Amino acid sequence: MLSATSVLRRVVVLACVGCLVAPSTGAEPAPDAAPVAAQVPPKEAATVRTPDGWTLTVGTKDESQVPVPPLTTAISSREYVSSGTYFAELIGPEGATPEGVLEAGFQIGCGIDMSTANGVTMSGSAGMVPGLGAQLPVPPGPGAPLQLLPAMATPITGVVTVGLKPGLVFIVPVHQKEFRGAHPWVMISEFHVKIDGCVGQSFIRSYAVLTRVTDESDVVLSYVGATVTV
């Protein structure tokens, strides 16, 4: 039989061994851990030459799109933290000062839209159908005739309906910069974009629209960044 002193010593030893065990490397990160930046592959800027001798360029650089868990627990919600710099360049006749508008934002795509549909609905029905059934006598014997007995059937049917609609694309303009100069730019940092009612994959990409304005003409040049899929 172990004495109380021996039991106490074993408890102390086990406690010390537990203190020396390193924490598991597979433990989940803390809920407040910052997401790792997901760099978006760079794309070539859009360029056009106008009839009046201007060369316009618009694009983005240093982009990142980080998917993060939404504040809601719905699996149909998506949320991204987006960053990037939108730039433009306007080269024209010497002495001319360009002016116009630079718009920066994001395009959101959803494979299947559930926000404006009926969602998932369940319905059922039950009824009673009279009829006749055949039965042998008990115990059955050779040449025993069949007995017709009244019977009642109660069929039950259930239907599950899922109301889905084709995917949608949403345009989220974040900022419009009215400028006067040859090198306008807009920087967006840690901007949260959230969509709801999306089933399946979702898509996000940046976009920029450069509008050059003069007294005689307007020129609109558009750019879209690389698409990120979640």
C-alpha atoms as a PDB file:
ATOM      1  CA  MET A   1       0.000   0.000   0.000  1.00  0.00           C
ATOM      2  CA  LEU A   2       1.285   3.454  -0.934  1.00  0.00           C
ATOM      3  CA  SER A   3       1.610   5.979   1.784  1.00  0.00           C
ATOM      4  CA  ALA A   4       0.213   9.491   1.532  1.00  0.00           C
ATOM      5  CA  THR A   5       3.778  10.811   1.163  1.00  0.00           C
ATOM      6  CA  SER A   6       4.463   8.586  -1.871  1.00  0.00           C
ATOM      7  CA  VAL A   7       1.229   9.651  -3.580  1.00  0.00           C
ATOM      8  CA  LEU A   8       2.088  13.314  -2.994  1.00  0.00           C
ATOM      9  CA  ARG A   9       5.565  12.829  -4.509  1.00  0.00           C
ATOM     10  CA  ARG A  10       4.084  11.234  -7.640  1.00  0.00           C
ATOM     11  CA  VAL A  11       1.637  14.099  -8.080  1.00  0.00           C
ATOM     12  CA  VAL A  12       4.458  16.645  -7.813  1.00  0.00           C
ATOM     13  CA  VAL A  13       6.606  14.785 -10.364  1.00  0.00           C
ATOM     14  CA  LEU A  14       3.743  14.543 -12.876  1.00  0.00           C
ATOM     15  CA  ALA A  15       2.976  18.237 -12.439  1.00  0.00           C
ATOM     16  CA  CYS A  16       6.600  19.194 -13.149  1.00  0.00           C
ATOM     17  CA  VAL A  17       6.732  16.981 -16.246  1.00  0.00           C
ATOM     18  CA  GLY A  18       3.598  18.671 -17.538  1.00  0.00           C
ATOM     19  CA  CYS A  19       5.241  22.074 -17.046  1.00  0.00           C
ATOM     20  CA  LEU A  20       8.207  21.074 -19.244  1.00  0.00           C
ATOM     21  CA  VAL A  21       6.106  19.945 -22.224  1.00  0.00           C
ATOM     22  CA  ALA A  22       6.262  22.497 -25.055  1.00  0.00           C
ATOM     23  CA  PRO A  23       2.955  23.839 -26.391  1.00  0.00           C
ATOM     24  CA  SER A  24       1.612  22.142 -29.519  1.00  0.00           C
ATOM     25  CA  THR A  25       2.766  23.677 -32.764  1.00  0.00           C
ATOM     26  CA  GLY A  26      -0.598  22.894 -34.315  1.00  0.00           C
ATOM     27  CA  ALA A  27      -2.518  25.141 -31.959  1.00  0.00           C
ATOM     28  CA  GLU A  28      -4.807  27.636 -33.664  1.00  0.00           C
ATOM     29  CA  PRO A  29      -3.700  31.299 -33.690  1.00  0.00           C
ATOM     30  CA  ALA A  30      -5.314  33.799 -31.407  1.00  0.00           C
ATOM     31  CA  PRO A  31      -8.580  35.260 -32.743  1.00  0.00           C
ATOM     32  CA  ASP A  32      -7.026  38.731 -32.932  1.00  0.00           C
ATOM     33  CA  ALA A  33      -4.008  37.584 -34.965  1.00  0.00           C
ATOM     34  CA  ALA A  34      -3.420  39.812 -37.997  1.00  0.00           C
ATOM     35  CA  PRO A  35      -4.035  38.104 -41.373  1.00  0.00           C
ATOM     36  CA  VAL A  36      -1.044  37.413 -43.576  1.00  0.00           C
ATOM     37  CA  ALA A  37      -0.951  39.753 -46.555  1.00  0.00           C
ATOM     38  CA  ALA A  38      -1.913  38.034 -49.830  1.00  0.00           C
ATOM     39  CA  GLN A  39      -0.187  39.893 -52.639  1.00  0.00           C
ATOM     40  CA  VAL A  40      -2.128  40.128 -55.889  1.00  0.00           C
ATOM     41  CA  PRO A  41      -0.140  39.284 -59.035  1.00  0.00           C
ATOM     42  CA  PRO A  42       0.648  42.543 -60.865  1.00  0.00           C
ATOM     43  CA  LYS A  43      -0.995  43.244 -64.198  1.00  0.00           C
ATOM     44  CA  GLU A  44       0.113  45.520 -66.990  1.00  0.00           C
ATOM     45  CA  ALA A  45      -1.384  48.985 -66.801  1.00  0.00           C
ATOM     46  CA  ALA A  46      -3.934  50.074 -69.412  1.00  0.00           C
ATOM     47  CA  THR A  47      -2.695  52.622 -71.955  1.00  0.00           C
ATOM     48  CA  VAL A  48      -4.347  54.514 -74.800  1.00  0.00           C
ATOM     49  CA  ARG A  49      -3.273  57.244 -77.221  1.00  0.00           C
ATOM     50  CA  THR A  50      -5.934  59.850 -77.992  1.00  0.00           C
ATOM     51  CA  PRO A  51      -6.600  61.582 -81.334  1.00  0.00           C
ATOM     52  CA  ASP A  52      -5.422  64.919 -79.903  1.00  0.00           C
ATOM     53  CA  GLY A  53      -1.964  63.587 -79.062  1.00  0.00           C
ATOM     54  CA  TRP A  54      -2.298  62.548 -75.409  1.00  0.00           C
ATOM     55  CA  THR A  55      -1.033  59.259 -73.945  1.00  0.00           C
ATOM     56  CA  LEU A  56      -3.035  58.083 -70.938  1.00  0.00           C
ATOM     57  CA  THR A  57      -2.062  55.290 -68.551  1.00  0.00           C
ATOM     58  CA  VAL A  58      -3.893  53.877 -65.518  1.00  0.00           C
ATOM     59  CA  GLY A  59      -3.126  50.898 -63.277  1.00  0.00           C
ATOM     60  CA  THR A  60      -2.421  49.654 -59.760  1.00  0.00           C
ATOM     61  CA  LYS A  61       0.567  48.471 -57.736  1.00  0.00           C
ATOM     62  CA  ASP A  62       1.297  46.901 -54.342  1.00  0.00           C
ATOM     63  CA  GLU A  63      -2.120  45.236 -54.235  1.00  0.00           C
ATOM     64  CA  SER A  64      -3.259  42.728 -51.610  1.00  0.00           C
ATOM     65  CA  GLN A  65      -6.582  40.961 -51.101  1.00  0.00           C
ATOM     66  CA  VAL A  66      -6.817  39.074 -47.795  1.00  0.00           C
ATOM     67  CA  PRO A  67      -9.920  36.945 -47.082  1.00  0.00           C
ATOM     68  CA  VAL A  68     -10.860  37.178 -43.401  1.00  0.00           C
ATOM     69  CA  PRO A  69     -13.638  35.538 -41.337  1.00  0.00           C
ATOM     70  CA  PRO A  70     -16.781  37.724 -41.388  1.00  0.00           C
ATOM     71  CA  LEU A  71     -18.267  39.029 -38.164  1.00  0.00           C
ATOM     72  CA  THR A  72     -21.333  36.870 -38.781  1.00  0.00           C
ATOM     73  CA  THR A  73     -21.184  33.080 -38.642  1.00  0.00           C
ATOM     74  CA  ALA A  74     -23.148  32.637 -41.875  1.00  0.00           C
ATOM     75  CA  ILE A  75     -21.301  30.548 -44.449  1.00  0.00           C
ATOM     76  CA  SER A  76     -22.875  32.703 -47.176  1.00  0.00           C
ATOM     77  CA  SER A  77     -20.900  35.789 -46.074  1.00  0.00           C
ATOM     78  CA  ARG A  78     -17.504  36.823 -47.453  1.00  0.00           C
ATOM     79  CA  GLU A  79     -15.150  39.542 -46.246  1.00  0.00           C
ATOM     80  CA  TYR A  80     -11.852  40.845 -47.614  1.00  0.00           C
ATOM     81  CA  VAL A  81      -9.246  43.317 -46.415  1.00  0.00           C
ATOM     82  CA  SER A  82      -8.012  45.158 -49.502  1.00  0.00           C
ATOM     83  CA  SER A  83      -5.082  47.483 -50.095  1.00  0.00           C
ATOM     84  CA  GLY A  84      -3.369  49.007 -53.106  1.00  0.00           C
ATOM     85  CA  THR A  85      -2.225  52.154 -54.885  1.00  0.00           C
ATOM     86  CA  TYR A  86      -4.048  53.373 -57.986  1.00  0.00           C
ATOM     87  CA  PHE A  87      -2.045  55.590 -60.310  1.00  0.00           C
ATOM     88  CA  ALA A  88      -2.415  57.407 -63.630  1.00  0.00           C
ATOM     89  CA  GLU A  89      -0.159  59.251 -66.026  1.00  0.00           C
ATOM     90  CA  LEU A  90      -1.231  61.807 -68.624  1.00  0.00           C
ATOM     91  CA  ILE A  91       1.323  62.937 -71.197  1.00  0.00           C
ATOM     92  CA  GLY A  92       0.270  65.566 -73.723  1.00  0.00           C
ATOM     93  CA  PRO A  93       1.454  68.621 -75.645  1.00  0.00           C
ATOM     94  CA  GLU A  94       4.085  70.719 -73.915  1.00  0.00           C
ATOM     95  CA  GLY A  95       2.637  73.312 -71.619  1.00  0.00           C
ATOM     96  CA  ALA A  96      -0.782  71.628 -71.290  1.00  0.00           C
ATOM     97  CA  THR A  97      -1.992  70.785 -67.781  1.00  0.00           C
ATOM     98  CA  PRO A  98      -4.272  67.719 -67.747  1.00  0.00           C
ATOM     99  CA  GLU A  99      -7.258  67.437 -65.474  1.00  0.00           C
ATOM    100  CA  GLY A 100     -10.018  64.954 -64.859  1.00  0.00           C
ATOM    101  CA  VAL A 101     -11.215  62.254 -62.434  1.00  0.00           C
ATOM    102  CA  LEU A 102      -9.560  59.065 -61.172  1.00  0.00           C
ATOM    103  CA  GLU A 103     -12.003  56.538 -59.697  1.00  0.00           C
ATOM    104  CA  ALA A 104     -10.762  53.601 -57.606  1.00  0.00           C
ATOM    105  CA  GLY A 105     -12.704  50.645 -56.229  1.00  0.00           C
ATOM    106  CA  PHE A 106     -13.429  46.933 -56.351  1.00  0.00           C
ATOM    107  CA  GLN A 107     -15.572  44.513 -58.315  1.00  0.00           C
ATOM    108  CA  ILE A 108     -17.176  41.663 -56.371  1.00  0.00           C
ATOM    109  CA  GLY A 109     -18.463  38.505 -58.045  1.00  0.00           C
ATOM    110  CA  CYS A 110     -20.591  35.715 -56.587  1.00  0.00           C
ATOM    111  CA  GLY A 111     -21.070  32.322 -58.247  1.00  0.00           C
ATOM    112  CA  ILE A 112     -24.644  31.849 -56.975  1.00  0.00           C
ATOM    113  CA  ASP A 113     -26.758  34.585 -55.428  1.00  0.00           C
ATOM    114  CA  MET A 114     -29.028  33.574 -52.557  1.00  0.00           C
ATOM    115  CA  SER A 115     -29.804  37.015 -51.165  1.00  0.00           C
ATOM    116  CA  THR A 116     -32.849  37.728 -53.379  1.00  0.00           C
ATOM    117  CA  ALA A 117     -34.104  34.153 -53.711  1.00  0.00           C
ATOM    118  CA  ASN A 118     -36.406  32.200 -51.401  1.00  0.00           C
ATOM    119  CA  GLY A 119     -33.502  30.338 -49.838  1.00  0.00           C
ATOM    120  CA  VAL A 120     -34.139  26.837 -48.546  1.00  0.00           C
ATOM    121  CA  THR A 121     -37.764  25.874 -47.878  1.00  0.00           C
ATOM    122  CA  MET A 122     -39.254  22.565 -46.759  1.00  0.00           C
ATOM    123  CA  SER A 123     -42.806  21.399 -47.352  1.00  0.00           C
ATOM    124  CA  GLY A 124     -44.703  18.138 -46.978  1.00  0.00           C
ATOM    125  CA  SER A 125     -48.107  16.518 -47.303  1.00  0.00           C
ATOM    126  CA  ALA A 126     -49.909  13.497 -45.906  1.00  0.00           C
ATOM    127  CA  GLY A 127     -53.163  11.765 -46.888  1.00  0.00           C
ATOM    128  CA  MET A 128     -55.283   8.614 -46.593  1.00  0.00           C
ATOM    129  CA  VAL A 129     -56.103   6.350 -49.576  1.00  0.00           C
ATOM    130  CA  PRO A 130     -58.635   3.471 -49.097  1.00  0.00           C
ATOM    131  CA  GLY A 131     -58.154   0.177 -50.961  1.00  0.00           C
ATOM    132  CA  LEU A 132     -58.370  -3.632 -50.841  1.00  0.00           C
ATOM    133  CA  GLY A 133     -55.631  -6.049 -49.854  1.00  0.00           C
ATOM    134  CA  ALA A 134     -55.234  -9.781 -50.442  1.00  0.00           C
ATOM    135  CA  GLN A 135     -54.348 -12.091 -47.527  1.00  0.00           C
ATOM    136  CA  LEU A 136     -53.994 -15.875 -47.100  1.00  0.00           C
ATOM    137  CA  PRO A 137     -55.779 -17.536 -44.167  1.00  0.00           C
ATOM    138  CA  VAL A 138     -53.737 -18.333 -41.098  1.00  0.00           C
ATOM    139  CA  PRO A 139     -52.481 -21.037 -41.001  1.00  0.00           C
ATOM    140  CA  PRO A 140     -52.314 -21.298 -44.842  1.00  0.00           C
ATOM    141  CA  GLY A 141     -53.296 -24.615 -46.388  1.00  0.00           C
ATOM    142  CA  PRO A 142     -53.198 -26.220 -49.824  1.00  0.00           C
ATOM    143  CA  GLY A 143     -55.725 -24.616 -52.126  1.00  0.00           C
ATOM    144  CA  ALA A 144     -56.783 -22.067 -49.516  1.00  0.00           C
ATOM    145  CA  PRO A 145     -58.577 -19.123 -51.175  1.00  0.00           C
ATOM    146  CA  LEU A 146     -57.313 -15.570 -50.854  1.00  0.00           C
ATOM    147  CA  GLN A 147     -59.230 -13.275 -48.563  1.00  0.00           C
ATOM    148  CA  LEU A 148     -59.872  -9.670 -49.617  1.00  0.00           C
ATOM    149  CA  LEU A 149     -59.656  -7.283 -46.721  1.00  0.00           C
ATOM    150  CA  PRO A 150     -60.176  -3.519 -46.668  1.00  0.00           C
ATOM    151  CA  ALA A 151     -56.933  -1.523 -46.280  1.00  0.00           C
ATOM    152  CA  MET A 152     -55.973   2.113 -45.740  1.00  0.00           C
ATOM    153  CA  ALA A 153     -52.736   3.692 -47.099  1.00  0.00           C
ATOM    154  CA  THR A 154     -51.298   6.911 -45.653  1.00  0.00           C
ATOM    155  CA  PRO A 155     -48.744   8.311 -48.156  1.00  0.00           C
ATOM    156  CA  ILE A 156     -46.418  11.034 -46.851  1.00  0.00           C
ATOM    157  CA  THR A 157     -44.368  13.177 -49.228  1.00  0.00           C
ATOM    158  CA  GLY A 158     -41.711  15.784 -48.455  1.00  0.00           C
ATOM    159  CA  VAL A 159     -40.114  18.400 -50.691  1.00  0.00           C
ATOM    160  CA  VAL A 160     -36.991  20.498 -50.111  1.00  0.00           C
ATOM    161  CA  THR A 161     -36.766  23.538 -52.396  1.00  0.00           C
ATOM    162  CA  VAL A 162     -33.593  25.583 -52.787  1.00  0.00           C
ATOM    163  CA  GLY A 163     -34.153  28.949 -54.442  1.00  0.00           C
ATOM    164  CA  LEU A 164     -30.943  30.084 -56.147  1.00  0.00           C
ATOM    165  CA  LYS A 165     -30.246  32.672 -58.818  1.00  0.00           C
ATOM    166  CA  PRO A 166     -27.364  33.141 -61.236  1.00  0.00           C
ATOM    167  CA  GLY A 167     -24.328  34.949 -59.891  1.00  0.00           C
ATOM    168  CA  LEU A 168     -24.072  38.709 -59.696  1.00  0.00           C
ATOM    169  CA  VAL A 169     -21.267  41.242 -60.003  1.00  0.00           C
ATOM    170  CA  PHE A 170     -21.214  44.265 -57.720  1.00  0.00           C
ATOM    171  CA  ILE A 171     -19.141  47.396 -58.292  1.00  0.00           C
ATOM    172  CA  VAL A 172     -17.904  49.085 -55.109  1.00  0.00           C
ATOM    173  CA  PRO A 173     -16.516  52.570 -55.847  1.00  0.00           C
ATOM    174  CA  VAL A 174     -14.306  53.581 -52.925  1.00  0.00           C
ATOM    175  CA  HIS A 175     -13.046  57.003 -53.978  1.00  0.00           C
ATOM    176  CA  GLN A 176     -13.209  59.523 -56.825  1.00  0.00           C
ATOM    177  CA  LYS A 177     -10.271  61.898 -57.098  1.00  0.00           C
ATOM    178  CA  GLU A 178     -10.709  65.100 -59.087  1.00  0.00           C
ATOM    179  CA  PHE A 179      -7.216  66.116 -60.142  1.00  0.00           C
ATOM    180  CA  ARG A 180      -5.252  68.692 -62.035  1.00  0.00           C
ATOM    181  CA  GLY A 181      -1.806  67.436 -62.981  1.00  0.00           C
ATOM    182  CA  ALA A 182       0.000  64.702 -64.867  1.00  0.00           C
ATOM    183  CA  HIS A 183       0.430  62.058 -62.142  1.00  0.00           C
ATOM    184  CA  PRO A 184      -2.688  61.596 -59.963  1.00  0.00           C
ATOM    185  CA  TRP A 185      -2.879  58.654 -57.558  1.00  0.00           C
ATOM    186  CA  VAL A 186      -5.106  57.185 -54.852  1.00  0.00           C
ATOM    187  CA  MET A 187      -3.965  54.892 -52.053  1.00  0.00           C
ATOM    188  CA  ILE A 188      -6.421  52.501 -50.337  1.00  0.00           C
ATOM    189  CA  SER A 189      -5.207  50.752 -47.190  1.00  0.00           C
ATOM    190  CA  GLU A 190      -6.883  48.022 -45.086  1.00  0.00           C
ATOM    191  CA  PHE A 191     -10.306  48.578 -46.636  1.00  0.00           C
ATOM    192  CA  HIS A 192     -12.934  45.993 -45.621  1.00  0.00           C
ATOM    193  CA  VAL A 193     -15.236  44.665 -48.345  1.00  0.00           C
ATOM    194  CA  LYS A 194     -18.113  42.364 -47.282  1.00  0.00           C
ATOM    195  CA  ILE A 195     -20.780  40.529 -49.276  1.00  0.00           C
ATOM    196  CA  ASP A 196     -23.736  38.467 -48.049  1.00  0.00           C
ATOM    197  CA  GLY A 197     -25.998  35.835 -49.557  1.00  0.00           C
ATOM    198  CA  CYS A 198     -23.258  34.237 -51.663  1.00  0.00           C
ATOM    199  CA  VAL A 199     -23.157  30.465 -52.188  1.00  0.00           C
ATOM    200  CA  GLY A 200     -20.080  28.774 -53.585  1.00  0.00           C
ATOM    201  CA  GLN A 201     -17.027  30.697 -54.741  1.00  0.00           C
ATOM    202  CA  SER A 202     -16.656  34.460 -54.563  1.00  0.00           C
ATOM    203  CA  PHE A 203     -14.352  36.701 -56.565  1.00  0.00           C
ATOM    204  CA  ILE A 204     -12.799  40.127 -56.033  1.00  0.00           C
ATOM    205  CA  ARG A 205     -10.616  42.373 -58.165  1.00  0.00           C
ATOM    206  CA  SER A 206      -9.655  46.019 -58.214  1.00  0.00           C
ATOM    207  CA  TYR A 207     -10.657  48.468 -60.907  1.00  0.00           C
ATOM    208  CA  ALA A 208      -9.725  52.013 -61.882  1.00  0.00           C
ATOM    209  CA  VAL A 209     -11.323  54.456 -64.290  1.00  0.00           C
ATOM    210  CA  LEU A 210      -9.392  57.470 -65.585  1.00  0.00           C
ATOM    211  CA  THR A 211     -11.367  60.299 -67.170  1.00  0.00           C
ATOM    212  CA  ARG A 212      -9.446  63.074 -68.854  1.00  0.00           C
ATOM    213  CA  VAL A 213     -11.465  66.250 -69.339  1.00  0.00           C
ATOM    214  CA  THR A 214     -10.856  69.165 -71.712  1.00  0.00           C
ATOM    215  CA  ASP A 215     -13.059  71.899 -73.105  1.00  0.00           C
ATOM    216  CA  GLU A 216     -13.446  69.953 -76.354  1.00  0.00           C
ATOM    217  CA  SER A 217     -13.381  66.267 -75.385  1.00  0.00           C
ATOM    218  CA  ASP A 218     -13.478  63.637 -72.668  1.00  0.00           C
ATOM    219  CA  VAL A 219     -11.538  60.379 -72.706  1.00  0.00           C
ATOM    220  CA  VAL A 220     -12.401  57.407 -70.435  1.00  0.00           C
ATOM    221  CA  LEU A 221      -9.822  54.655 -69.827  1.00  0.00           C
ATOM    222  CA  SER A 222     -10.600  51.603 -67.645  1.00  0.00           C
ATOM    223  CA  TYR A 223      -8.391  49.060 -65.886  1.00  0.00           C
ATOM    224  CA  VAL A 224      -9.174  45.866 -63.948  1.00  0.00           C
ATOM    225  CA  GLY A 225      -6.717  44.005 -61.713  1.00  0.00           C
ATOM    226  CA  ALA A 226      -6.095  40.316 -61.232  1.00  0.00           C
ATOM    227  CA  THR A 227      -9.018  38.260 -59.918  1.00  0.00           C
ATOM    228  CA  VAL A 228      -8.750  36.613 -56.498  1.00  0.00           C
ATOM    229  CA  THR A 229     -10.972  33.559 -55.903  1.00  0.00           C
ATOM    230  CA  VAL A 230     -12.185  32.226 -52.549  1.00  0.00           C
END
